[in-house]
Amino acid sequence: MKLKPVIQANQSASFGSVYAIFIGRSLRLSMRNTEQLIMAIMLPIMLMLLFTYVFGGAISPDGNYVNYVVPGIILLCAGFGSSSTAVDVAEDMTNGIIDRFRTMPIPSISVVTGHVVASLVRNLVATGIVIGVALLVGFAPSAGLLEWLAALGMIVLFLFTFTWLYAAIGLMTGSPSAASGYGFALLFLPYISSAFVPVNTMPTWLQGIANHQPITPVIETIRGLLTGTSYQDQLGWALGWCLGILILAIIWSVYAFKRKAGRR
């Protein structure tokens, strides 16, 4: 284990250097798990191609469906990539490495923060690739530079929020397999939203669920920013959902870490 000599060489390691070490560790672990990275990219691309070329003609005969579905695929990509954080955190909590970190003069929860930041970087790269493929298959956004930056900010906030939520799930579960199962359940949320079809085409009872869950306002905000549709009435809800879940997820993570690791 290389972390211990590095940190012990400077017992008063700064806050930034400690977190940089753990972020670097998590990024290296991500690069070694190439299958997971490839799947995080390929699954959203395959779904986008499936919905665009197989279902798109039936859903939107005018051929404009790709512009509708891409924002939903972006969120699906973000959610799928973030879900691996639950497994990574659960592995660290069960393989004994946290006990080794507790012997060092560092906040042990920095290992969790490392996973969160590394996941954010990894998933932004995957999201960029998905957007690139979308442009190749006909996605034609009308957004200018400011709209693209605002959409990117919304995507980053969503990624950061749900990565912390998955980290909390990984801390609360007893094994990586359980973390994977619980995390997978959240991936169904985009399907019960406006990601693939307008909410008003759903049964009345399902519209209530789709309209009052966090994914729909985020998708509508990103869709509006990129394609010029109305989003102003959804922006507040999108920010409120993300910030509320983010605060709760961080509090939940800190509590769960204290409970399991017995350290600040």
Protein backbone atom coordinates (compact mmCIF):
# COMPACT_ATOMS: atom_id res chain seq x y z
CA MET A 1 0.00 0.00 0.00
CA LYS A 2 1.67 3.23 -1.16
CA LEU A 3 -0.57 5.72 0.60
CA LYS A 4 0.90 5.22 4.06
CA PRO A 5 4.51 6.20 3.25
CA VAL A 6 3.34 9.20 1.23
CA ILE A 7 1.15 10.52 4.02
CA GLN A 8 3.56 9.67 6.85
CA ALA A 9 6.31 11.59 5.04
CA ASN A 10 4.34 14.70 5.90
CA GLN A 11 2.43 14.24 9.13
CA SER A 12 0.87 17.67 8.73
CA ALA A 13 -0.33 17.02 5.19
CA SER A 14 -2.64 19.75 3.99
CA PHE A 15 -6.33 19.23 3.48
CA GLY A 16 -5.90 19.54 -0.29
CA SER A 17 -2.99 17.12 -0.59
CA VAL A 18 -4.79 14.40 1.41
CA TYR A 19 -7.86 14.58 -0.80
CA ALA A 20 -5.70 14.74 -3.94
CA ILE A 21 -4.06 11.46 -2.92
CA PHE A 22 -7.40 9.70 -2.45
CA ILE A 23 -8.85 11.15 -5.64
CA GLY A 24 -5.80 9.90 -7.53
CA ARG A 25 -6.18 6.48 -5.91
CA SER A 26 -9.83 6.25 -6.99
CA LEU A 27 -9.01 7.38 -10.54
CA ARG A 28 -6.35 4.68 -10.84
CA LEU A 29 -8.81 2.07 -9.60
CA SER A 30 -11.31 3.30 -12.20
CA MET A 31 -8.77 2.97 -15.00
CA ARG A 32 -8.05 -0.62 -14.01
CA ASN A 33 -11.74 -1.52 -14.17
CA THR A 34 -12.02 -1.01 -17.92
CA GLU A 35 -15.10 -3.23 -18.28
CA GLN A 36 -17.08 -1.00 -15.94
CA LEU A 37 -15.97 2.13 -17.79
CA ILE A 38 -16.81 0.67 -21.19
CA MET A 39 -20.25 -0.44 -20.00
CA ALA A 40 -20.96 3.02 -18.55
CA ILE A 41 -20.38 4.41 -22.05
CA MET A 42 -21.79 1.66 -24.26
CA LEU A 43 -25.11 1.06 -22.48
CA PRO A 44 -26.42 4.63 -22.91
CA ILE A 45 -25.18 4.68 -26.52
CA MET A 46 -26.96 1.43 -27.30
CA LEU A 47 -30.16 2.70 -25.68
CA MET A 48 -29.92 5.94 -27.65
CA LEU A 49 -29.50 4.05 -30.92
CA LEU A 50 -32.33 1.68 -29.98
CA PHE A 51 -34.80 4.46 -29.15
CA THR A 52 -33.73 6.63 -32.10
CA TYR A 53 -33.77 4.03 -34.86
CA VAL A 54 -36.16 1.34 -33.59
CA PHE A 55 -38.79 3.24 -31.56
CA GLY A 56 -38.21 6.79 -32.79
CA GLY A 57 -40.24 6.48 -35.99
CA ALA A 58 -43.29 5.23 -34.09
CA ILE A 59 -42.98 7.78 -31.29
CA SER A 60 -42.18 10.79 -33.49
CA PRO A 61 -42.76 10.19 -37.24
CA ASP A 62 -41.29 13.60 -38.10
CA GLY A 63 -37.81 12.24 -37.35
CA ASN A 64 -37.17 14.76 -34.58
CA TYR A 65 -37.20 12.20 -31.77
CA VAL A 66 -33.42 12.21 -31.39
CA ASN A 67 -33.58 15.83 -30.18
CA TYR A 68 -36.16 14.82 -27.60
CA VAL A 69 -34.47 11.67 -26.29
CA VAL A 70 -30.83 12.77 -26.02
CA PRO A 71 -31.24 14.80 -22.77
CA GLY A 72 -32.84 11.73 -21.17
CA ILE A 73 -29.99 9.52 -22.39
CA ILE A 74 -27.47 11.97 -20.93
CA LEU A 75 -29.13 11.65 -17.52
CA LEU A 76 -29.32 7.86 -17.88
CA CYS A 77 -25.60 7.79 -18.66
CA ALA A 78 -24.89 9.95 -15.61
CA GLY A 79 -26.99 7.76 -13.33
CA PHE A 80 -25.54 4.50 -14.61
CA GLY A 81 -21.99 5.74 -14.20
CA SER A 82 -22.64 7.08 -10.71
CA SER A 83 -24.11 3.76 -9.53
CA SER A 84 -20.67 2.12 -9.54
CA THR A 85 -19.70 4.43 -6.66
CA ALA A 86 -21.91 2.41 -4.31
CA VAL A 87 -19.97 -0.76 -5.13
CA ASP A 88 -16.55 0.93 -4.85
CA VAL A 89 -17.38 2.44 -1.46
CA ALA A 90 -18.86 -0.84 -0.17
CA GLU A 91 -15.70 -2.70 -1.19
CA ASP A 92 -13.51 -0.29 0.77
CA MET A 93 -15.79 -0.58 3.80
CA THR A 94 -15.67 -4.38 3.81
CA ASN A 95 -12.09 -5.24 2.78
CA GLY A 96 -10.39 -3.80 5.87
CA ILE A 97 -8.55 -0.92 4.20
CA ILE A 98 -10.46 1.68 6.25
CA ASP A 99 -8.85 0.24 9.40
CA ARG A 100 -5.42 0.95 7.88
CA PHE A 101 -6.41 4.50 7.00
CA ARG A 102 -7.57 5.05 10.61
CA THR A 103 -3.95 4.65 11.78
CA MET A 104 -2.90 7.67 9.69
CA PRO A 105 -3.24 11.36 10.63
CA ILE A 106 -5.98 11.96 8.07
CA PRO A 107 -9.80 12.11 8.03
CA SER A 108 -10.73 8.59 6.96
CA ILE A 109 -13.88 9.76 5.17
CA SER A 110 -11.57 11.34 2.58
CA VAL A 111 -11.50 7.90 0.93
CA VAL A 112 -15.23 8.28 0.25
CA THR A 113 -14.76 11.80 -1.07
CA GLY A 114 -12.05 10.45 -3.36
CA HIS A 115 -14.49 7.96 -4.83
CA VAL A 116 -17.10 10.69 -5.36
CA VAL A 117 -14.75 13.09 -7.17
CA ALA A 118 -13.18 10.33 -9.27
CA SER A 119 -16.64 9.12 -10.26
CA LEU A 120 -17.61 12.67 -11.24
CA VAL A 121 -14.56 12.97 -13.52
CA ARG A 122 -15.08 9.52 -15.02
CA ASN A 123 -18.76 10.13 -15.71
CA LEU A 124 -18.19 13.55 -17.25
CA VAL A 125 -15.86 11.89 -19.76
CA ALA A 126 -18.47 9.19 -20.49
CA THR A 127 -21.19 11.85 -20.84
CA GLY A 128 -19.02 13.80 -23.28
CA ILE A 129 -18.59 10.69 -25.43
CA VAL A 130 -22.35 10.04 -25.39
CA ILE A 131 -23.05 13.63 -26.48
CA GLY A 132 -20.50 13.25 -29.28
CA VAL A 133 -22.22 10.10 -30.56
CA ALA A 134 -25.60 11.86 -30.29
CA LEU A 135 -24.33 14.63 -32.56
CA LEU A 136 -23.24 12.00 -35.07
CA VAL A 137 -26.69 10.38 -35.19
CA GLY A 138 -28.52 13.64 -35.78
CA PHE A 139 -28.85 15.50 -32.48
CA ALA A 140 -29.11 19.18 -33.46
CA PRO A 141 -29.11 21.42 -30.36
CA SER A 142 -29.96 25.09 -30.81
CA ALA A 143 -28.05 26.14 -27.70
CA GLY A 144 -25.46 28.88 -27.68
CA LEU A 145 -22.36 28.95 -25.48
CA LEU A 146 -24.18 30.19 -22.37
CA GLU A 147 -26.91 27.56 -22.72
CA TRP A 148 -24.30 24.82 -23.13
CA LEU A 149 -22.47 26.01 -20.03
CA ALA A 150 -25.72 26.14 -18.05
CA ALA A 151 -26.67 22.63 -19.24
CA LEU A 152 -23.21 21.36 -18.30
CA GLY A 153 -23.59 22.93 -14.86
CA MET A 154 -26.92 21.16 -14.41
CA ILE A 155 -25.37 17.84 -15.47
CA VAL A 156 -22.45 18.31 -13.05
CA LEU A 157 -24.82 19.12 -10.19
CA PHE A 158 -26.94 16.07 -10.97
CA LEU A 159 -23.86 13.85 -11.19
CA PHE A 160 -22.43 15.19 -7.94
CA THR A 161 -25.77 14.77 -6.16
CA PHE A 162 -26.43 11.20 -7.21
CA THR A 163 -22.81 10.15 -6.76
CA TRP A 164 -23.03 11.19 -3.11
CA LEU A 165 -26.35 9.38 -2.85
CA TYR A 166 -24.78 6.20 -4.22
CA ALA A 167 -21.84 6.66 -1.84
CA ALA A 168 -24.31 6.75 1.05
CA ILE A 169 -25.93 3.56 -0.23
CA GLY A 170 -22.50 1.90 -0.41
CA LEU A 171 -21.79 2.93 3.19
CA MET A 172 -25.10 1.61 4.51
CA THR A 173 -25.07 -1.78 2.81
CA GLY A 174 -23.23 -4.80 4.09
CA SER A 175 -21.54 -5.92 0.87
CA PRO A 176 -20.68 -4.79 -2.67
CA SER A 177 -23.36 -7.09 -4.13
CA ALA A 178 -26.04 -5.54 -1.91
CA ALA A 179 -24.83 -2.05 -2.85
CA SER A 180 -25.10 -2.98 -6.52
CA GLY A 181 -28.66 -4.21 -6.04
CA TYR A 182 -29.88 -1.16 -4.15
CA GLY A 183 -28.12 1.18 -6.55
CA PHE A 184 -29.64 -0.53 -9.57
CA ALA A 185 -33.14 0.24 -8.28
CA LEU A 186 -32.52 3.99 -8.68
CA LEU A 187 -31.72 3.50 -12.37
CA PHE A 188 -35.42 2.94 -13.07
CA LEU A 189 -36.27 6.56 -12.21
CA PRO A 190 -35.44 7.92 -15.71
CA TYR A 191 -37.92 5.47 -17.24
CA ILE A 192 -40.72 6.93 -15.10
CA SER A 193 -40.06 10.47 -16.24
CA SER A 194 -40.12 12.59 -19.37
CA ALA A 195 -36.82 11.07 -20.54
CA PHE A 196 -38.27 9.00 -23.39
CA VAL A 197 -41.88 10.14 -23.86
CA PRO A 198 -43.87 13.21 -22.79
CA VAL A 199 -45.46 12.80 -19.38
CA ASN A 200 -48.94 13.64 -20.76
CA THR A 201 -48.89 10.45 -22.84
CA MET A 202 -48.75 8.30 -19.68
CA PRO A 203 -51.72 6.98 -17.70
CA THR A 204 -53.11 9.60 -15.32
CA TRP A 205 -51.95 7.81 -12.17
CA LEU A 206 -48.42 7.51 -13.57
CA GLN A 207 -48.28 11.18 -14.59
CA GLY A 208 -48.43 12.14 -10.92
CA ILE A 209 -45.35 10.04 -10.18
CA ALA A 210 -43.46 11.25 -13.24
CA ASN A 211 -44.19 14.91 -12.52
CA HIS A 212 -43.21 14.73 -8.86
CA GLN A 213 -39.87 12.97 -8.91
CA PRO A 214 -36.41 14.56 -9.28
CA ILE A 215 -35.47 13.30 -12.75
CA THR A 216 -38.23 15.00 -14.77
CA PRO A 217 -37.41 18.64 -13.88
CA VAL A 218 -33.69 18.02 -14.42
CA ILE A 219 -34.33 16.49 -17.84
CA GLU A 220 -36.75 19.26 -18.83
CA THR A 221 -34.21 21.89 -17.78
CA ILE A 222 -31.40 20.30 -19.80
CA ARG A 223 -33.75 19.72 -22.75
CA GLY A 224 -34.90 23.33 -22.65
CA LEU A 225 -31.36 24.70 -22.48
CA LEU A 226 -30.12 22.55 -25.37
CA THR A 227 -33.13 22.55 -27.69
CA GLY A 228 -34.91 25.81 -26.89
CA THR A 229 -38.05 24.39 -25.27
CA SER A 230 -39.57 26.01 -22.19
CA TYR A 231 -37.76 25.15 -18.98
CA GLN A 232 -38.10 28.18 -16.70
CA ASP A 233 -40.88 26.61 -14.62
CA GLN A 234 -38.75 23.47 -14.12
CA LEU A 235 -35.41 25.08 -13.26
CA GLY A 236 -36.31 25.87 -9.66
CA TRP A 237 -37.59 22.35 -9.07
CA ALA A 238 -34.47 20.85 -10.65
CA LEU A 239 -32.13 22.89 -8.46
CA GLY A 240 -34.27 22.29 -5.37
CA TRP A 241 -34.37 18.52 -5.85
CA CYS A 242 -30.63 18.27 -6.51
CA LEU A 243 -29.53 20.50 -3.65
CA GLY A 244 -31.95 18.88 -1.21
CA ILE A 245 -30.85 15.35 -2.11
CA LEU A 246 -27.18 16.41 -2.07
CA ILE A 247 -27.39 17.81 1.46
CA LEU A 248 -29.25 14.75 2.74
CA ALA A 249 -26.83 12.37 0.96
CA ILE A 250 -23.76 14.05 2.48
CA ILE A 251 -25.29 14.03 5.98
CA TRP A 252 -26.31 10.39 5.50
CA SER A 253 -22.80 9.50 4.29
CA VAL A 254 -21.08 11.17 7.24
CA TYR A 255 -23.44 9.48 9.70
CA ALA A 256 -23.03 6.08 8.05
CA PHE A 257 -19.26 6.40 7.95
CA LYS A 258 -19.07 7.32 11.64
CA ARG A 259 -21.31 4.40 12.47
CA LYS A 260 -19.27 1.88 10.51
CA ALA A 261 -15.73 3.17 10.81
CA GLY A 262 -15.95 4.77 14.26
CA ARG A 263 -13.92 7.74 13.06
CA ARG A 264 -14.63 11.46 12.49
